[in-house]
Protein backbone atom coordinates (compact mmCIF):
# COMPACT_ATOMS: atom_id res chain seq x y z
CA MET A 1 -44.52 10.62 18.10
CA ALA A 2 -42.09 9.18 20.64
CA ASP A 3 -44.92 7.87 22.80
CA ASP A 4 -46.41 6.10 19.75
CA ARG A 5 -43.08 4.55 18.79
CA PHE A 6 -42.45 3.11 22.26
CA ALA A 7 -46.04 2.07 23.01
CA GLY A 8 -45.22 -1.60 22.52
CA LEU A 9 -42.48 -1.72 25.17
CA ASP A 10 -43.20 -3.29 28.54
CA ASP A 11 -42.27 -1.55 31.80
CA GLU A 12 -38.93 -3.33 32.06
CA ASP A 13 -37.82 -2.22 28.61
CA ARG A 14 -39.15 1.30 29.12
CA GLY A 15 -36.87 1.49 32.15
CA LYS A 16 -33.89 0.86 29.87
CA LEU A 17 -34.63 3.86 27.65
CA ARG A 18 -32.57 6.98 28.33
CA ARG A 19 -33.58 10.47 27.24
CA ARG A 20 -30.53 11.77 25.40
CA SER A 21 -29.76 14.19 22.62
CA ARG A 22 -28.61 12.52 19.43
CA PRO A 23 -24.89 11.60 19.76
CA ASP A 24 -22.25 12.83 17.33
CA TRP A 25 -20.63 9.39 17.32
CA VAL A 26 -21.34 5.85 18.51
CA GLN A 27 -18.61 3.22 18.70
CA PRO A 28 -19.86 0.28 16.62
CA THR A 29 -20.26 -3.23 17.97
CA LEU A 30 -17.88 -5.66 16.23
CA ALA A 31 -18.29 -9.42 15.90
CA VAL A 32 -15.76 -12.10 16.82
CA LEU A 33 -14.98 -15.06 14.56
CA HIS A 34 -16.67 -18.28 15.70
CA ASP A 35 -15.47 -21.61 14.31
CA GLU A 36 -18.45 -23.89 14.85
CA PRO A 37 -21.97 -23.40 13.45
CA PHE A 38 -24.66 -23.57 16.13
CA SER A 39 -28.38 -23.27 16.73
CA ASP A 40 -29.89 -21.63 19.79
CA PRO A 41 -33.34 -20.08 20.38
CA GLU A 42 -31.69 -17.26 22.32
CA TRP A 43 -29.80 -16.13 19.20
CA ILE A 44 -30.80 -14.58 15.88
CA PHE A 45 -28.93 -15.08 12.59
CA GLU A 46 -28.45 -12.48 9.85
CA ARG A 47 -26.82 -12.70 6.44
CA LYS A 48 -23.19 -11.55 6.57
CA LEU A 49 -22.98 -8.77 4.00
CA ASP A 50 -19.74 -8.24 2.09
CA GLY A 51 -19.66 -4.44 2.08
CA VAL A 52 -18.61 -1.50 4.25
CA ARG A 53 -20.02 -0.74 7.69
CA SER A 54 -22.00 2.49 7.92
CA LEU A 55 -23.38 4.30 10.97
CA VAL A 56 -26.24 6.57 9.92
CA PHE A 57 -26.97 9.81 11.81
CA ARG A 58 -30.14 11.74 10.88
CA GLY A 59 -31.09 15.06 12.47
CA GLY A 60 -33.69 17.02 10.55
CA ARG A 61 -32.38 17.50 7.00
CA HIS A 62 -28.82 16.78 8.11
CA VAL A 63 -27.54 13.27 7.32
CA ARG A 64 -24.12 11.84 8.15
CA LEU A 65 -22.81 8.47 7.06
CA ARG A 66 -19.72 7.37 8.99
CA SER A 67 -17.43 4.37 8.61
CA ARG A 68 -16.36 2.32 11.61
CA ASN A 69 -13.28 4.57 11.99
CA ARG A 70 -15.41 7.76 11.75
CA LYS A 71 -14.60 8.67 8.15
CA SER A 72 -17.35 10.44 6.22
CA GLN A 73 -19.01 8.36 3.50
CA ASN A 74 -21.33 11.09 2.26
CA VAL A 75 -19.39 11.91 -0.91
CA ALA A 76 -18.81 8.29 -1.89
CA PHE A 77 -22.50 7.36 -1.48
CA PRO A 78 -24.61 10.49 -2.24
CA GLU A 79 -27.67 8.47 -3.30
CA ILE A 80 -27.73 6.80 0.12
CA VAL A 81 -27.59 10.21 1.81
CA GLU A 82 -30.56 11.37 -0.27
CA ALA A 83 -32.52 8.20 0.49
CA VAL A 84 -31.94 8.61 4.24
CA ARG A 85 -33.06 12.23 3.99
CA ARG A 86 -36.36 11.09 2.47
CA GLN A 87 -37.16 8.81 5.41
CA PRO A 88 -40.18 10.05 7.41
CA CYS A 89 -38.33 9.82 10.76
CA ASP A 90 -35.86 12.69 11.17
CA ASP A 91 -34.17 11.87 14.51
CA PHE A 92 -32.32 8.55 14.65
CA VAL A 93 -28.98 6.75 14.65
CA ALA A 94 -28.88 3.38 12.89
CA ASP A 95 -26.25 0.75 12.17
CA GLY A 96 -25.91 -0.98 8.83
CA GLU A 97 -23.83 -2.00 5.83
CA ILE A 98 -23.48 -0.42 2.39
CA VAL A 99 -23.18 -3.04 -0.35
CA ALA A 100 -22.99 -3.59 -4.09
CA PHE A 101 -24.10 -6.77 -5.81
CA ARG A 102 -22.67 -9.10 -8.40
CA GLY A 103 -25.73 -11.12 -9.34
CA ASP A 104 -27.47 -12.11 -6.11
CA VAL A 105 -24.30 -11.97 -4.00
CA THR A 106 -22.86 -8.91 -2.28
CA SER A 107 -19.40 -8.09 -3.64
CA PHE A 108 -16.78 -6.09 -1.78
CA SER A 109 -14.57 -6.02 -4.89
CA ARG A 110 -17.39 -4.46 -6.94
CA LEU A 111 -17.79 -1.80 -4.26
CA GLN A 112 -14.12 -0.79 -4.66
CA SER A 113 -14.80 1.83 -7.32
CA ARG A 114 -16.97 3.76 -4.83
CA ILE A 115 -14.79 3.59 -1.72
CA GLY A 116 -12.64 6.63 -1.00
CA LEU A 117 -14.08 8.88 -3.72
CA THR A 118 -13.82 12.57 -2.90
CA ARG A 119 -16.28 13.99 -5.43
CA ARG A 120 -19.97 13.20 -5.90
CA ASP A 121 -20.06 13.15 -9.71
CA PRO A 122 -17.65 10.18 -10.11
CA ALA A 123 -19.66 8.32 -7.47
CA ARG A 124 -22.89 8.82 -9.41
CA GLU A 125 -21.24 8.01 -12.75
CA SER A 126 -19.46 4.85 -11.57
CA GLY A 127 -22.22 2.56 -12.80
CA VAL A 128 -22.10 0.64 -9.50
CA ALA A 129 -25.47 0.66 -7.73
CA VAL A 130 -25.24 0.69 -3.94
CA TYR A 131 -27.71 -0.17 -1.18
CA LEU A 132 -27.89 0.40 2.57
CA TYR A 133 -28.99 -2.56 4.70
CA LEU A 134 -29.90 -1.49 8.24
CA PHE A 135 -29.77 -4.04 11.07
CA ASP A 136 -29.80 -2.07 14.34
CA LEU A 137 -31.25 1.10 15.84
CA LEU A 138 -29.30 2.96 18.52
CA HIS A 139 -31.14 6.26 18.97
CA LEU A 140 -34.70 7.31 18.18
CA ASP A 141 -36.67 10.50 18.85
CA GLY A 142 -34.46 11.78 21.66
CA HIS A 143 -33.97 8.37 23.29
CA ASP A 144 -30.86 6.22 23.61
CA LEU A 145 -31.88 2.63 22.80
CA ARG A 146 -28.57 0.85 23.35
CA ARG A 147 -29.59 -0.76 26.67
CA LEU A 148 -32.67 -2.36 25.11
CA PRO A 149 -32.49 -6.03 24.06
CA LEU A 150 -31.56 -6.54 20.43
CA ARG A 151 -34.99 -7.94 19.54
CA ARG A 152 -36.63 -4.74 20.80
CA ARG A 153 -34.21 -2.51 18.90
CA LYS A 154 -34.83 -4.45 15.70
CA ALA A 155 -38.60 -4.24 16.17
CA LEU A 156 -38.34 -0.46 16.59
CA LEU A 157 -36.12 -0.27 13.50
CA ARG A 158 -38.63 -2.18 11.40
CA GLN A 159 -41.44 0.03 12.73
CA MET A 160 -39.49 3.25 12.06
CA LEU A 161 -38.00 2.36 8.66
CA ARG A 162 -39.75 2.89 5.35
CA PRO A 163 -37.93 0.50 2.98
CA THR A 164 -37.03 1.98 -0.40
CA ARG A 165 -35.01 0.92 -3.43
CA ARG A 166 -31.81 2.12 -1.75
CA ILE A 167 -32.54 1.41 1.94
CA ARG A 168 -33.52 -2.03 3.15
CA TYR A 169 -34.16 -3.80 6.43
CA THR A 170 -31.79 -6.72 7.12
CA PRO A 171 -33.95 -9.81 7.72
CA HIS A 172 -32.99 -12.42 10.29
CA ARG A 173 -33.92 -15.91 11.40
CA ASN A 174 -34.47 -17.18 14.91
CA GLY A 175 -32.61 -20.09 16.40
CA ASP A 176 -31.68 -22.44 13.55
CA GLY A 177 -28.25 -21.18 12.55
CA GLU A 178 -26.82 -24.48 11.30
CA ALA A 179 -29.40 -25.08 8.58
CA TRP A 180 -29.30 -21.47 7.42
CA LEU A 181 -25.50 -21.45 7.27
CA ARG A 182 -25.56 -24.53 5.05
CA SER A 183 -28.07 -22.81 2.79
CA ALA A 184 -26.06 -19.56 2.82
CA CYS A 185 -22.85 -21.29 1.76
CA LYS A 186 -24.63 -23.08 -1.11
CA LYS A 187 -25.86 -19.69 -2.33
CA GLY A 188 -22.33 -18.28 -2.34
CA TRP A 189 -22.86 -15.93 0.61
CA GLU A 190 -19.96 -14.91 2.81
CA GLY A 191 -21.65 -16.40 5.86
CA LEU A 192 -23.88 -15.34 8.77
CA ILE A 193 -23.70 -13.06 11.80
CA ALA A 194 -25.12 -14.61 14.97
CA LYS A 195 -26.33 -12.17 17.63
CA ARG A 196 -27.61 -12.84 21.14
CA ALA A 197 -31.23 -11.73 20.97
CA GLY A 198 -31.39 -10.32 24.49
CA SER A 199 -28.11 -8.39 24.37
CA ALA A 200 -27.57 -4.66 24.71
CA TYR A 201 -25.52 -2.81 22.07
CA ALA A 202 -21.96 -3.34 23.30
CA GLY A 203 -20.15 -0.62 21.33
CA LYS A 204 -16.96 -2.73 21.15
CA ARG A 205 -15.84 -6.14 19.90
CA SER A 206 -18.18 -8.54 21.68
CA ARG A 207 -18.91 -12.26 21.86
CA THR A 208 -22.61 -11.40 21.75
CA TRP A 209 -22.04 -10.96 17.98
CA ARG A 210 -20.32 -13.86 16.16
CA LYS A 211 -19.15 -14.29 12.57
CA LEU A 212 -19.92 -17.67 11.00
CA LYS A 213 -18.02 -17.74 7.71
CA CYS A 214 -18.45 -19.91 4.63
CA HIS A 215 -14.92 -19.07 3.48
CA HIS A 216 -11.77 -17.86 5.19
CA GLY A 217 -10.93 -14.21 4.82
CA GLN A 218 -9.74 -11.24 6.82
CA GLU A 219 -8.09 -7.82 6.73
CA LEU A 220 -4.29 -7.67 6.48
CA VAL A 221 -1.69 -4.92 6.37
CA ILE A 222 0.31 -4.38 3.15
CA GLY A 223 4.02 -4.03 3.93
CA GLY A 224 5.60 -4.36 0.50
CA TRP A 225 5.44 -5.83 -2.98
CA THR A 226 7.48 -7.84 -5.46
CA GLU A 227 8.59 -6.89 -8.96
CA PRO A 228 6.15 -7.82 -11.75
CA LYS A 229 7.00 -10.63 -14.14
CA GLY A 230 5.89 -11.37 -17.69
CA GLU A 231 2.86 -9.37 -18.81
CA ARG A 232 2.04 -8.18 -15.27
CA SER A 233 2.47 -4.41 -14.67
CA HIS A 234 3.16 -2.31 -11.56
CA PHE A 235 3.76 -5.17 -9.08
CA GLY A 236 3.81 -8.94 -8.88
CA ALA A 237 2.50 -9.80 -5.42
CA LEU A 238 1.66 -7.95 -2.23
CA LEU A 239 3.50 -8.80 0.98
CA VAL A 240 1.03 -8.82 3.85
CA GLY A 241 0.90 -9.29 7.59
CA TYR A 242 -0.91 -8.58 10.84
CA TYR A 243 -0.05 -7.05 14.20
CA ASP A 244 0.54 -9.26 17.20
CA ASP A 245 1.57 -7.58 20.45
CA GLY A 246 2.84 -4.56 18.53
CA ALA A 247 4.92 -6.63 16.07
CA LEU A 248 4.02 -6.83 12.37
CA ARG A 249 4.02 -10.56 11.56
CA TYR A 250 4.55 -11.68 7.98
CA ALA A 251 1.63 -13.73 6.59
CA GLY A 252 2.86 -14.34 3.04
CA LYS A 253 2.51 -12.93 -0.47
CA VAL A 254 -0.65 -12.50 -2.51
CA GLY A 255 -0.33 -12.59 -6.28
CA THR A 256 -3.92 -13.07 -7.49
CA GLY A 257 -7.15 -11.08 -7.50
CA TYR A 258 -5.98 -7.98 -9.41
CA ASP A 259 -7.33 -6.56 -12.62
CA GLU A 260 -5.34 -4.00 -14.62
CA ALA A 261 -7.14 -1.01 -13.06
CA THR A 262 -6.38 -2.31 -9.57
CA LEU A 263 -2.73 -2.94 -10.43
CA SER A 264 -2.39 0.62 -11.70
CA ARG A 265 -4.26 2.34 -8.87
CA LEU A 266 -2.68 0.29 -6.10
CA GLY A 267 0.76 0.42 -7.68
CA ARG A 268 0.72 4.23 -7.61
CA ARG A 269 -0.30 4.27 -3.95
CA LEU A 270 2.42 1.80 -3.02
CA ALA A 271 5.07 3.82 -4.83
CA ARG A 272 4.26 6.81 -2.62
CA LEU A 273 4.69 4.65 0.50
CA GLU A 274 8.01 3.03 -0.49
CA ARG A 275 10.68 2.81 2.22
CA ASP A 276 14.19 1.34 2.47
CA ARG A 277 13.73 -1.39 5.07
CA SER A 278 11.20 -4.07 5.87
CA PRO A 279 8.33 -3.14 8.20
CA PHE A 280 7.91 -6.81 9.19
CA ASP A 281 9.35 -8.19 12.40
CA ASP A 282 9.74 -11.60 10.74
CA PRO A 283 12.25 -12.40 7.98
CA VAL A 284 10.82 -12.18 4.44
CA ARG A 285 12.66 -14.40 1.98
CA GLU A 286 11.35 -13.12 -1.34
CA LYS A 287 13.26 -11.82 -4.34
CA GLY A 288 12.81 -8.46 -6.04
CA VAL A 289 11.16 -6.91 -2.99
CA HIS A 290 10.11 -3.29 -2.41
CA TRP A 291 9.10 -2.28 1.11
CA ALA A 292 6.20 0.02 2.00
CA ARG A 293 5.21 1.95 5.08
CA PRO A 294 2.48 -0.24 6.61
CA ARG A 295 -0.45 2.13 6.07
CA LEU A 296 -2.71 0.30 3.59
CA VAL A 297 -5.17 -2.38 4.69
CA GLY A 298 -6.62 -4.92 2.29
CA GLU A 299 -9.29 -7.59 2.43
CA PHE A 300 -8.01 -11.04 1.44
CA GLY A 301 -9.59 -14.44 0.96
CA PHE A 302 -7.70 -17.70 1.47
CA THR A 303 -8.28 -21.40 2.07
CA GLU A 304 -6.56 -21.76 5.45
CA TRP A 305 -3.65 -20.74 7.68
CA THR A 306 -0.60 -23.00 7.45
CA HIS A 307 1.09 -24.40 10.56
CA ASP A 308 3.77 -21.67 10.33
CA GLY A 309 1.26 -18.80 10.20
CA LYS A 310 1.11 -18.16 6.43
CA LEU A 311 -1.88 -17.86 4.11
CA ARG A 312 -2.65 -20.77 1.80
CA HIS A 313 -4.00 -19.87 -1.69
CA PRO A 314 -4.66 -16.20 -0.87
CA ARG A 315 -6.41 -13.75 -3.19
CA PHE A 316 -6.88 -9.98 -3.05
CA LEU A 317 -10.48 -8.78 -2.64
CA GLY A 318 -10.03 -5.03 -2.23
CA LEU A 319 -8.63 -2.18 -0.16
CA ARG A 320 -10.28 -1.05 3.07
CA ASP A 321 -10.14 2.52 4.34
CA ASP A 322 -12.31 1.98 7.42
CA LYS A 323 -9.77 0.43 9.78
CA PRO A 324 -6.34 1.70 10.93
CA ALA A 325 -3.49 -0.65 10.07
CA ARG A 326 -2.40 -0.85 13.71
CA GLN A 327 -5.73 -2.43 14.65
CA VAL A 328 -5.37 -5.34 12.22
CA GLY A 329 -4.71 -8.62 14.03
CA ARG A 330 -5.14 -12.24 13.08
CA GLU A 331 -8.71 -13.38 13.57
CA ARG A 332 -8.96 -16.51 15.69
CA GLY A 333 -12.08 -18.55 16.26
CA SER A 334 -13.80 -18.67 19.61
């Protein structure tokens, strides 16, 4: 089987294969933000999916889904586990993204009801259909593929994968990133991921993978909240920030993007994290403030950063449980 799978590799690429047992963990490659759209025949361009990263480990009947900070996703996404188990190949490690859709657009906020669940029945009964999009292959049939060029890894993934209703191959385009980004933004996508076609799998944040966004957005740490006003319950706005050289910098307050279920669920979590003093290293001049231990990480959209480092027109998109708060910094374009 292995000989058949690798028959299309030339001698140079065969020399980059390494016989290895399947790893228990692989550090994922992370993209850097890139400000300017570009086109280059040495790069490929994929749709940027608005979901949660998932590393997929298959060994015989045993399947493990892991987030980028190694948390198990098996209970939250049992139908994905079952779909992976039905794949004909039973020895691989793949990289991908689990998503939910709102219309034709992937929606991180719609995925919120599935993230962090600890029992399979609520996951199945949530009414939110989820899908796994695979875009890279790191291990196959006793071989480590991470030194192979990306194009070769993707070709092996497409050859190995049997697409199903729940598991899909992430398509890409070659070279013309500018035109596709314009098209992506018109469709309401989050953006594109540009990847150097000849690159190895870095296993860290790397400039060989670049985020080209249609809208501004990033993860931020929640360090407090304000009292609700009027008909609003639980809290008024979240106080958010990011780490810079070990200091938690204040980035402003976020008062939109919450439905009643989110206000209730998030309000209860914040109440358990309440503390007496501000976690921010900058002054926060808001009234009716409650402080929180900086443990929760949220995803936020906004129009731009102001000159004094605050968010303009921010909105809450959802909580993330796949990144430690201490690793959240301000994304800056390259």
